[in-house]
Every structure is written in structure tokens, then in C-alpha cells.
Amino acid sequence: MSLTFTNRRALVTGAGRGIGRAIALELAKQGVAVACLSKNEASCGTVAGEIVKAGGKAAAFPCDVSDAAAVKAVCNKITAEFGPIDILVNNAGITADGLLFRMSDDAWNSVIQTNLSSVFFFGKTLGFGMTKNRWGRIINISSVTGLMGNAGQSNYAAAKAGVLGLTKSMAKEMASRGITVNAVCPGFIQTDMTDKLTDEQKAGILTWVPLKRLGTPDDVAHLVAFLASEEAGYITGQSLAVDGGMVMA
């Protein structure tokens, strides 16, 4: 099925690598102009360069998404230089794993700020502009860990579960203005993080996955592109897993 996008502009956070990169490239393939944002200017610049080289429209914007003032400033810059954002993909995230009793306050706070508070910062700032246009798509990248929890990741699980609740509340607040808000929950996806796992560790993971393979960043990007399209206009407030069947409601 071909997807419909009409002169749309997207912002993808955490666009410099992995899932964020795949999302930025997929939206660009669909004809969407993409603002690529990450903390590392070189990485988001590389992805924006790939898009432009392929004939698309993109620009790179560095930002620490955990900093509310920095988010507000970069959103103003993007709107002024790139144009109003129609599609927001909150993908930026970090991990700082550790058992609850050994977890530092800094490890807790940094993950909550980056993975959860950033969704609030961008949603509040760019979502307001969408309400004026009475059209918008917000896709928040959560995780299956937010659905089921995980030992040694209490900070990450709390943040990603928080994203799910925030998504539902945003969806209810913004629906009357033609804005849909949904969450995507990736499972085990093949990225630079999973590349560090041993074959034995990967085999153990796959015992939990009915499809018996790791997902790819493109598996996630295809769903995000659909949710961002005109065709997904009657889907909002949902949490959709891309996990090979690992979590079944």
C-alpha cells in the first residue's frame, strides 16, 4: 500500500543512528522533509546528508533533549529555518542499567529526563503549532520494557511506561484538533547495542520471541511511517508492539 503525505515536514529525535536513522530515511523516501535531531551534531548531520544525497530534503539540528530550554530553542530554530513541523517522532533515548538498590540518582534522573521528559518538552512545544494547523502526527517510541518491565532497568522501564501514559493523555487532549498521538514499542531490534551480544545471549533472547529472529530498524520505521501518514488518521492513543510476538495482549 502506498502512503499519502502532502508537503509534510517531520522532526525525528535521536536520528543519528539505529531506529531513529531508519525512521528518518523511511520518511524521506515517502517524500517527507526531515529535520534530523540528535545530541551528536556529526551523527544527525550524516543522516541528513544521506537524505539530501538521495534527492530528499533534510537538515540537521543538534540538541540535548533532556534540557527543556534547549528543546524550546531548537524548536524555534527548526520552525524558523525548516518550516512548521507536521510529524513529530520522539525517538531519542538512553540506557543506564543497574539493579534498583545500586542505581545512582544520576542514572535514574538522566534516563527519566532523556526518555520521558523530552517527549513532554517536544510534544508541548511542537504540538501547540500543530493545533493551529488542525493536523498533526506524534509518534512516541516506547519499548516492550515499558509494557512488561525488566530486571536491572527500573529507570528505563519507568520512563518507557511513562511514555505510554503520556501518549494516551496527549491523544485525548489533541484529538479535537486533528492530531493523532500513538506509541510504538520495539522489542529486541538489531542495532549496535545488540551487535555486542554473544551468540549465546542472542539465542537466549530468541527463546522469548515467537518469530525467532531479532527485529530490524526498518521493521519499526515502516510502522512509524504508516502512523505518520494520512491513512492512519483514525488511529490514536494506541501502543503498538514491534516485537516478533514477544508481548501479546
C-alpha atoms as a PDB file:
ATOM      1  CA  MET A   1       0.000   0.000   0.000  1.00  0.00           C
ATOM      2  CA  SER A   2       1.347   3.401  -0.943  1.00  0.00           C
ATOM      3  CA  LEU A   3       1.185   6.016   1.790  1.00  0.00           C
ATOM      4  CA  THR A   4      -0.059   9.565   1.388  1.00  0.00           C
ATOM      5  CA  PHE A   5       1.949  12.572   2.545  1.00  0.00           C
ATOM      6  CA  THR A   6       1.218  16.060   1.246  1.00  0.00           C
ATOM      7  CA  ASN A   7       4.030  18.578   1.748  1.00  0.00           C
ATOM      8  CA  ARG A   8       4.761  17.294   5.240  1.00  0.00           C
ATOM      9  CA  ARG A   9       7.716  18.125   7.477  1.00  0.00           C
ATOM     10  CA  ALA A  10       8.906  15.778  10.206  1.00  0.00           C
ATOM     11  CA  LEU A  11      11.214  16.047  13.170  1.00  0.00           C
ATOM     12  CA  VAL A  12      12.888  12.834  14.307  1.00  0.00           C
ATOM     13  CA  THR A  13      14.806  12.926  17.588  1.00  0.00           C
ATOM     14  CA  GLY A  14      17.680  10.518  18.070  1.00  0.00           C
ATOM     15  CA  ALA A  15      18.013  10.417  14.287  1.00  0.00           C
ATOM     16  CA  GLY A  16      21.746   9.845  14.215  1.00  0.00           C
ATOM     17  CA  ARG A  17      21.742   6.052  14.434  1.00  0.00           C
ATOM     18  CA  GLY A  18      19.755   2.858  14.804  1.00  0.00           C
ATOM     19  CA  ILE A  19      15.977   3.110  14.844  1.00  0.00           C
ATOM     20  CA  GLY A  20      15.954   6.905  14.557  1.00  0.00           C
ATOM     21  CA  ARG A  21      18.121   6.824  11.456  1.00  0.00           C
ATOM     22  CA  ALA A  22      15.870   4.218   9.846  1.00  0.00           C
ATOM     23  CA  ILE A  23      12.780   6.307  10.615  1.00  0.00           C
ATOM     24  CA  ALA A  24      14.322   9.457   9.146  1.00  0.00           C
ATOM     25  CA  LEU A  25      15.358   7.624   5.973  1.00  0.00           C
ATOM     26  CA  GLU A  26      11.956   5.945   5.574  1.00  0.00           C
ATOM     27  CA  LEU A  27      10.022   9.194   5.967  1.00  0.00           C
ATOM     28  CA  ALA A  28      12.344  10.850   3.463  1.00  0.00           C
ATOM     29  CA  LYS A  29      11.661   8.019   0.989  1.00  0.00           C
ATOM     30  CA  GLN A  30       7.979   8.838   1.340  1.00  0.00           C
ATOM     31  CA  GLY A  31       8.678  12.427   0.282  1.00  0.00           C
ATOM     32  CA  VAL A  32       8.623  13.964   3.748  1.00  0.00           C
ATOM     33  CA  ALA A  33      11.138  16.720   4.551  1.00  0.00           C
ATOM     34  CA  VAL A  34      13.012  15.576   7.662  1.00  0.00           C
ATOM     35  CA  ALA A  35      14.659  17.567  10.422  1.00  0.00           C
ATOM     36  CA  CYS A  36      17.210  15.161  11.902  1.00  0.00           C
ATOM     37  CA  LEU A  37      17.997  15.848  15.548  1.00  0.00           C
ATOM     38  CA  SER A  38      20.435  14.267  17.954  1.00  0.00           C
ATOM     39  CA  LYS A  39      22.835  15.290  20.695  1.00  0.00           C
ATOM     40  CA  ASN A  40      25.759  14.484  18.408  1.00  0.00           C
ATOM     41  CA  GLU A  41      25.844  17.014  15.578  1.00  0.00           C
ATOM     42  CA  ALA A  42      28.026  14.817  13.375  1.00  0.00           C
ATOM     43  CA  SER A  43      25.698  11.805  13.503  1.00  0.00           C
ATOM     44  CA  CYS A  44      22.476  13.649  12.683  1.00  0.00           C
ATOM     45  CA  GLY A  45      24.411  15.616  10.052  1.00  0.00           C
ATOM     46  CA  THR A  46      25.472  12.382   8.398  1.00  0.00           C
ATOM     47  CA  VAL A  47      21.898  11.120   8.193  1.00  0.00           C
ATOM     48  CA  ALA A  48      20.633  14.448   6.846  1.00  0.00           C
ATOM     49  CA  GLY A  49      23.420  14.272   4.272  1.00  0.00           C
ATOM     50  CA  GLU A  50      22.316  10.801   3.199  1.00  0.00           C
ATOM     51  CA  ILE A  51      18.799  12.065   2.631  1.00  0.00           C
ATOM     52  CA  VAL A  52      19.907  15.083   0.613  1.00  0.00           C
ATOM     53  CA  LYS A  53      22.281  12.937  -1.461  1.00  0.00           C
ATOM     54  CA  ALA A  54      19.353  10.643  -2.322  1.00  0.00           C
ATOM     55  CA  GLY A  55      17.336  13.628  -3.549  1.00  0.00           C
ATOM     56  CA  GLY A  56      15.307  14.340  -0.419  1.00  0.00           C
ATOM     57  CA  LYS A  57      15.068  17.372   1.822  1.00  0.00           C
ATOM     58  CA  ALA A  58      16.672  17.316   5.260  1.00  0.00           C
ATOM     59  CA  ALA A  59      18.597  19.378   7.765  1.00  0.00           C
ATOM     60  CA  ALA A  60      20.447  18.552  10.975  1.00  0.00           C
ATOM     61  CA  PHE A  61      19.842  20.130  14.368  1.00  0.00           C
ATOM     62  CA  PRO A  62      21.927  19.205  17.436  1.00  0.00           C
ATOM     63  CA  CYS A  63      20.194  19.333  20.819  1.00  0.00           C
ATOM     64  CA  ASP A  64      20.329  17.834  24.293  1.00  0.00           C
ATOM     65  CA  VAL A  65      16.734  16.615  24.519  1.00  0.00           C
ATOM     66  CA  SER A  66      16.882  16.374  28.314  1.00  0.00           C
ATOM     67  CA  ASP A  67      17.237  20.177  28.584  1.00  0.00           C
ATOM     68  CA  ALA A  68      13.876  21.964  28.401  1.00  0.00           C
ATOM     69  CA  ALA A  69      15.388  25.324  27.458  1.00  0.00           C
ATOM     70  CA  ALA A  70      17.499  23.754  24.723  1.00  0.00           C
ATOM     71  CA  VAL A  71      14.441  21.961  23.312  1.00  0.00           C
ATOM     72  CA  LYS A  72      12.425  25.175  23.186  1.00  0.00           C
ATOM     73  CA  ALA A  73      15.291  26.990  21.473  1.00  0.00           C
ATOM     74  CA  VAL A  74      15.857  24.299  18.854  1.00  0.00           C
ATOM     75  CA  CYS A  75      12.124  24.025  18.117  1.00  0.00           C
ATOM     76  CA  ASN A  76      12.023  27.758  17.442  1.00  0.00           C
ATOM     77  CA  LYS A  77      15.088  27.421  15.208  1.00  0.00           C
ATOM     78  CA  ILE A  78      13.620  24.483  13.292  1.00  0.00           C
ATOM     79  CA  THR A  79      10.306  26.252  12.743  1.00  0.00           C
ATOM     80  CA  ALA A  80      12.066  29.398  11.528  1.00  0.00           C
ATOM     81  CA  GLU A  81      14.575  27.678   9.231  1.00  0.00           C
ATOM     82  CA  PHE A  82      12.806  24.487   8.193  1.00  0.00           C
ATOM     83  CA  GLY A  83       9.124  25.334   8.491  1.00  0.00           C
ATOM     84  CA  PRO A  84       6.284  24.179  10.770  1.00  0.00           C
ATOM     85  CA  ILE A  85       6.540  20.542  11.869  1.00  0.00           C
ATOM     86  CA  ASP A  86       3.590  18.291  10.983  1.00  0.00           C
ATOM     87  CA  ILE A  87       5.067  14.970  12.157  1.00  0.00           C
ATOM     88  CA  LEU A  88       6.960  14.552  15.431  1.00  0.00           C
ATOM     89  CA  VAL A  89       8.784  11.305  16.198  1.00  0.00           C
ATOM     90  CA  ASN A  90      10.093  11.220  19.770  1.00  0.00           C
ATOM     91  CA  ASN A  91      12.738   8.534  19.464  1.00  0.00           C
ATOM     92  CA  ALA A  92      15.745   9.798  21.449  1.00  0.00           C
ATOM     93  CA  GLY A  93      16.659   7.569  24.360  1.00  0.00           C
ATOM     94  CA  ILE A  94      19.470   6.274  26.542  1.00  0.00           C
ATOM     95  CA  THR A  95      20.069   3.451  28.999  1.00  0.00           C
ATOM     96  CA  ALA A  96      21.933   3.460  32.311  1.00  0.00           C
ATOM     97  CA  ASP A  97      21.222  -0.030  33.593  1.00  0.00           C
ATOM     98  CA  GLY A  98      21.679  -1.285  37.107  1.00  0.00           C
ATOM     99  CA  LEU A  99      19.883  -3.051  39.922  1.00  0.00           C
ATOM    100  CA  LEU A 100      17.480  -0.842  41.874  1.00  0.00           C
ATOM    101  CA  PHE A 101      19.451  -0.867  45.142  1.00  0.00           C
ATOM    102  CA  ARG A 102      22.676   0.066  43.358  1.00  0.00           C
ATOM    103  CA  MET A 103      21.272   2.637  40.945  1.00  0.00           C
ATOM    104  CA  SER A 104      22.577   6.158  41.407  1.00  0.00           C
ATOM    105  CA  ASP A 105      20.317   9.201  41.440  1.00  0.00           C
ATOM    106  CA  ASP A 106      22.134  10.448  38.340  1.00  0.00           C
ATOM    107  CA  ALA A 107      21.401   7.197  36.455  1.00  0.00           C
ATOM    108  CA  TRP A 108      17.721   7.495  37.373  1.00  0.00           C
ATOM    109  CA  ASN A 109      17.376  11.180  36.567  1.00  0.00           C
ATOM    110  CA  SER A 110      19.284  11.129  33.281  1.00  0.00           C
ATOM    111  CA  VAL A 111      17.175   8.297  31.848  1.00  0.00           C
ATOM    112  CA  ILE A 112      13.884   9.834  33.005  1.00  0.00           C
ATOM    113  CA  GLN A 113      14.828  13.242  31.594  1.00  0.00           C
ATOM    114  CA  THR A 114      16.052  11.923  28.249  1.00  0.00           C
ATOM    115  CA  ASN A 115      13.479   9.202  27.625  1.00  0.00           C
ATOM    116  CA  LEU A 116      10.334  10.672  29.184  1.00  0.00           C
ATOM    117  CA  SER A 117      10.663  14.389  29.883  1.00  0.00           C
ATOM    118  CA  SER A 118      11.891  15.018  26.325  1.00  0.00           C
ATOM    119  CA  VAL A 119       8.589  13.655  24.975  1.00  0.00           C
ATOM    120  CA  PHE A 120       6.780  16.221  27.118  1.00  0.00           C
ATOM    121  CA  PHE A 121       9.136  19.027  26.037  1.00  0.00           C
ATOM    122  CA  PHE A 122       8.789  18.400  22.289  1.00  0.00           C
ATOM    123  CA  GLY A 123       5.103  17.466  22.442  1.00  0.00           C
ATOM    124  CA  LYS A 124       4.221  20.654  24.321  1.00  0.00           C
ATOM    125  CA  THR A 125       6.227  22.936  22.035  1.00  0.00           C
ATOM    126  CA  LEU A 126       5.577  21.454  18.592  1.00  0.00           C
ATOM    127  CA  GLY A 127       2.129  20.055  19.365  1.00  0.00           C
ATOM    128  CA  PHE A 128       0.868  23.567  20.012  1.00  0.00           C
ATOM    129  CA  GLY A 129       1.833  24.555  16.470  1.00  0.00           C
ATOM    130  CA  MET A 130       0.005  21.521  15.115  1.00  0.00           C
ATOM    131  CA  THR A 131      -3.202  22.598  16.854  1.00  0.00           C
ATOM    132  CA  LYS A 132      -3.190  25.818  14.845  1.00  0.00           C
ATOM    133  CA  ASN A 133      -2.998  23.844  11.594  1.00  0.00           C
ATOM    134  CA  ARG A 134      -5.549  21.291  12.840  1.00  0.00           C
ATOM    135  CA  TRP A 135      -3.397  18.414  11.600  1.00  0.00           C
ATOM    136  CA  GLY A 136      -0.544  16.541  13.146  1.00  0.00           C
ATOM    137  CA  ARG A 137       1.035  13.203  13.876  1.00  0.00           C
ATOM    138  CA  ILE A 138       3.012  12.456  17.023  1.00  0.00           C
ATOM    139  CA  ILE A 139       4.666   9.059  17.362  1.00  0.00           C
ATOM    140  CA  ASN A 140       6.436   8.295  20.630  1.00  0.00           C
ATOM    141  CA  ILE A 141       8.933   5.446  20.691  1.00  0.00           C
ATOM    142  CA  SER A 142       8.464   3.458  23.891  1.00  0.00           C
ATOM    143  CA  SER A 143       9.600  -0.160  24.389  1.00  0.00           C
ATOM    144  CA  VAL A 144       8.287  -3.575  25.320  1.00  0.00           C
ATOM    145  CA  THR A 145      10.192  -2.951  28.557  1.00  0.00           C
ATOM    146  CA  GLY A 146       7.594  -0.279  29.288  1.00  0.00           C
ATOM    147  CA  LEU A 147       4.889  -2.921  28.880  1.00  0.00           C
ATOM    148  CA  MET A 148       6.431  -5.737  30.907  1.00  0.00           C
ATOM    149  CA  GLY A 149       9.318  -4.331  32.970  1.00  0.00           C
ATOM    150  CA  ASN A 150      12.836  -5.749  33.105  1.00  0.00           C
ATOM    151  CA  ALA A 151      15.190  -6.538  35.962  1.00  0.00           C
ATOM    152  CA  GLY A 152      18.122  -4.149  36.052  1.00  0.00           C
ATOM    153  CA  GLN A 153      16.269  -1.474  34.071  1.00  0.00           C
ATOM    154  CA  SER A 154      13.914   0.139  36.568  1.00  0.00           C
ATOM    155  CA  ASN A 155      14.760   3.621  35.293  1.00  0.00           C
ATOM    156  CA  TYR A 156      14.312   2.670  31.634  1.00  0.00           C
ATOM    157  CA  ALA A 157      11.108   0.704  32.301  1.00  0.00           C
ATOM    158  CA  ALA A 158       9.627   3.566  34.334  1.00  0.00           C
ATOM    159  CA  ALA A 159      10.451   6.088  31.604  1.00  0.00           C
ATOM    160  CA  LYS A 160       9.067   3.958  28.787  1.00  0.00           C
ATOM    161  CA  ALA A 161       5.915   3.099  30.758  1.00  0.00           C
ATOM    162  CA  GLY A 162       5.532   6.810  31.410  1.00  0.00           C
ATOM    163  CA  VAL A 163       5.685   7.430  27.666  1.00  0.00           C
ATOM    164  CA  LEU A 164       2.671   5.143  27.232  1.00  0.00           C
ATOM    165  CA  GLY A 165       0.579   7.055  29.763  1.00  0.00           C
ATOM    166  CA  LEU A 166       1.692  10.396  28.342  1.00  0.00           C
ATOM    167  CA  THR A 167       0.784   9.209  24.834  1.00  0.00           C
ATOM    168  CA  LYS A 168      -2.783   8.373  25.863  1.00  0.00           C
ATOM    169  CA  SER A 169      -3.254  11.700  27.639  1.00  0.00           C
ATOM    170  CA  MET A 170      -1.821  13.660  24.701  1.00  0.00           C
ATOM    171  CA  ALA A 171      -4.077  11.747  22.317  1.00  0.00           C
ATOM    172  CA  LYS A 172      -7.191  12.689  24.314  1.00  0.00           C
ATOM    173  CA  GLU A 173      -6.185  16.336  24.594  1.00  0.00           C
ATOM    174  CA  MET A 174      -5.253  16.804  20.938  1.00  0.00           C
ATOM    175  CA  ALA A 175      -7.846  14.697  19.099  1.00  0.00           C
ATOM    176  CA  SER A 176     -10.314  17.560  18.658  1.00  0.00           C
ATOM    177  CA  ARG A 177      -7.642  19.435  16.675  1.00  0.00           C
ATOM    178  CA  GLY A 178      -6.997  16.630  14.194  1.00  0.00           C
ATOM    179  CA  ILE A 179      -3.785  15.411  15.835  1.00  0.00           C
ATOM    180  CA  THR A 180      -3.149  11.715  16.420  1.00  0.00           C
ATOM    181  CA  VAL A 181      -0.717  10.520  19.072  1.00  0.00           C
ATOM    182  CA  ASN A 182       0.483   6.925  19.215  1.00  0.00           C
ATOM    183  CA  ALA A 183       3.291   4.911  20.795  1.00  0.00           C
ATOM    184  CA  VAL A 184       5.449   2.246  19.181  1.00  0.00           C
ATOM    185  CA  CYS A 185       7.040  -0.382  21.424  1.00  0.00           C
ATOM    186  CA  PRO A 186      10.049  -2.087  19.808  1.00  0.00           C
ATOM    187  CA  GLY A 187      11.216  -5.426  21.139  1.00  0.00           C
ATOM    188  CA  PHE A 188      14.702  -6.777  20.516  1.00  0.00           C
ATOM    189  CA  ILE A 189      15.912  -4.842  17.484  1.00  0.00           C
ATOM    190  CA  GLN A 190      19.225  -5.434  15.721  1.00  0.00           C
ATOM    191  CA  THR A 191      21.265  -2.305  16.475  1.00  0.00           C
ATOM    192  CA  ASP A 192      24.794  -1.509  17.624  1.00  0.00           C
ATOM    193  CA  MET A 193      23.661  -2.474  21.158  1.00  0.00           C
ATOM    194  CA  THR A 194      22.532  -5.979  20.198  1.00  0.00           C
ATOM    195  CA  ASP A 195      25.622  -6.418  17.995  1.00  0.00           C
ATOM    196  CA  LYS A 196      27.640  -6.535  21.218  1.00  0.00           C
ATOM    197  CA  LEU A 197      25.734  -9.598  22.469  1.00  0.00           C
ATOM    198  CA  THR A 198      27.285 -13.043  22.239  1.00  0.00           C
ATOM    199  CA  ASP A 199      25.664 -15.767  20.120  1.00  0.00           C
ATOM    200  CA  GLU A 200      24.651 -17.483  23.359  1.00  0.00           C
ATOM    201  CA  GLN A 201      22.938 -14.319  24.616  1.00  0.00           C
ATOM    202  CA  LYS A 202      21.116 -13.854  21.312  1.00  0.00           C
ATOM    203  CA  ALA A 203      19.949 -17.464  21.382  1.00  0.00           C
ATOM    204  CA  GLY A 204      18.575 -16.902  24.886  1.00  0.00           C
ATOM    205  CA  ILE A 205      16.686 -13.809  23.753  1.00  0.00           C
ATOM    206  CA  LEU A 206      15.144 -15.638  20.807  1.00  0.00           C
ATOM    207  CA  THR A 207      13.544 -18.203  23.132  1.00  0.00           C
ATOM    208  CA  TRP A 208      11.176 -15.337  24.094  1.00  0.00           C
ATOM    209  CA  VAL A 209      10.377 -14.338  20.510  1.00  0.00           C
ATOM    210  CA  PRO A 210       7.827 -16.492  18.625  1.00  0.00           C
ATOM    211  CA  LEU A 211       9.117 -15.305  15.219  1.00  0.00           C
ATOM    212  CA  LYS A 212      12.629 -16.487  16.229  1.00  0.00           C
ATOM    213  CA  ARG A 213      14.557 -13.511  14.918  1.00  0.00           C
ATOM    214  CA  LEU A 214      15.637 -10.076  16.023  1.00  0.00           C
ATOM    215  CA  GLY A 215      13.744  -7.185  14.501  1.00  0.00           C
ATOM    216  CA  THR A 216      15.385  -4.632  12.253  1.00  0.00           C
ATOM    217  CA  PRO A 217      15.248  -0.843  12.500  1.00  0.00           C
ATOM    218  CA  ASP A 218      13.269  -0.911   9.246  1.00  0.00           C
ATOM    219  CA  ASP A 219      10.582  -3.056  10.900  1.00  0.00           C
ATOM    220  CA  VAL A 220       9.984  -0.174  13.299  1.00  0.00           C
ATOM    221  CA  ALA A 221      10.371   2.546  10.663  1.00  0.00           C
ATOM    222  CA  HIS A 222       7.668   1.042   8.430  1.00  0.00           C
ATOM    223  CA  LEU A 223       5.109   1.191  11.238  1.00  0.00           C
ATOM    224  CA  VAL A 224       6.108   4.742  12.154  1.00  0.00           C
ATOM    225  CA  ALA A 225       5.707   5.847   8.529  1.00  0.00           C
ATOM    226  CA  PHE A 226       2.223   4.351   8.411  1.00  0.00           C
ATOM    227  CA  LEU A 227       1.188   6.052  11.649  1.00  0.00           C
ATOM    228  CA  ALA A 228       2.501   9.345  10.251  1.00  0.00           C
ATOM    229  CA  SER A 229       0.515   9.061   7.024  1.00  0.00           C
ATOM    230  CA  GLU A 230      -2.955  10.210   6.019  1.00  0.00           C
ATOM    231  CA  GLU A 231      -4.053   6.565   6.009  1.00  0.00           C
ATOM    232  CA  ALA A 232      -3.646   6.328   9.814  1.00  0.00           C
ATOM    233  CA  GLY A 233      -5.972   9.232  10.555  1.00  0.00           C
ATOM    234  CA  TYR A 234      -8.398   7.156  12.661  1.00  0.00           C
ATOM    235  CA  ILE A 235      -5.748   5.577  14.908  1.00  0.00           C
ATOM    236  CA  THR A 236      -4.847   7.431  18.094  1.00  0.00           C
ATOM    237  CA  GLY A 237      -3.935   6.700  21.707  1.00  0.00           C
ATOM    238  CA  GLN A 238      -2.586   3.254  20.808  1.00  0.00           C
ATOM    239  CA  SER A 239       0.537   1.390  21.946  1.00  0.00           C
ATOM    240  CA  LEU A 240       1.719  -0.911  19.154  1.00  0.00           C
ATOM    241  CA  ALA A 241       4.455  -3.500  19.724  1.00  0.00           C
ATOM    242  CA  VAL A 242       7.010  -4.407  17.052  1.00  0.00           C
ATOM    243  CA  ASP A 243       8.486  -7.384  18.850  1.00  0.00           C
ATOM    244  CA  GLY A 244       8.012 -10.600  16.865  1.00  0.00           C
ATOM    245  CA  GLY A 245       5.149 -11.638  19.133  1.00  0.00           C
ATOM    246  CA  MET A 246       7.070 -11.426  22.399  1.00  0.00           C
ATOM    247  CA  VAL A 247       4.314  -9.495  24.191  1.00  0.00           C
ATOM    248  CA  MET A 248       0.785 -10.445  23.253  1.00  0.00           C
ATOM    249  CA  ALA A 249      -2.108  -8.509  24.805  1.00  0.00           C
END
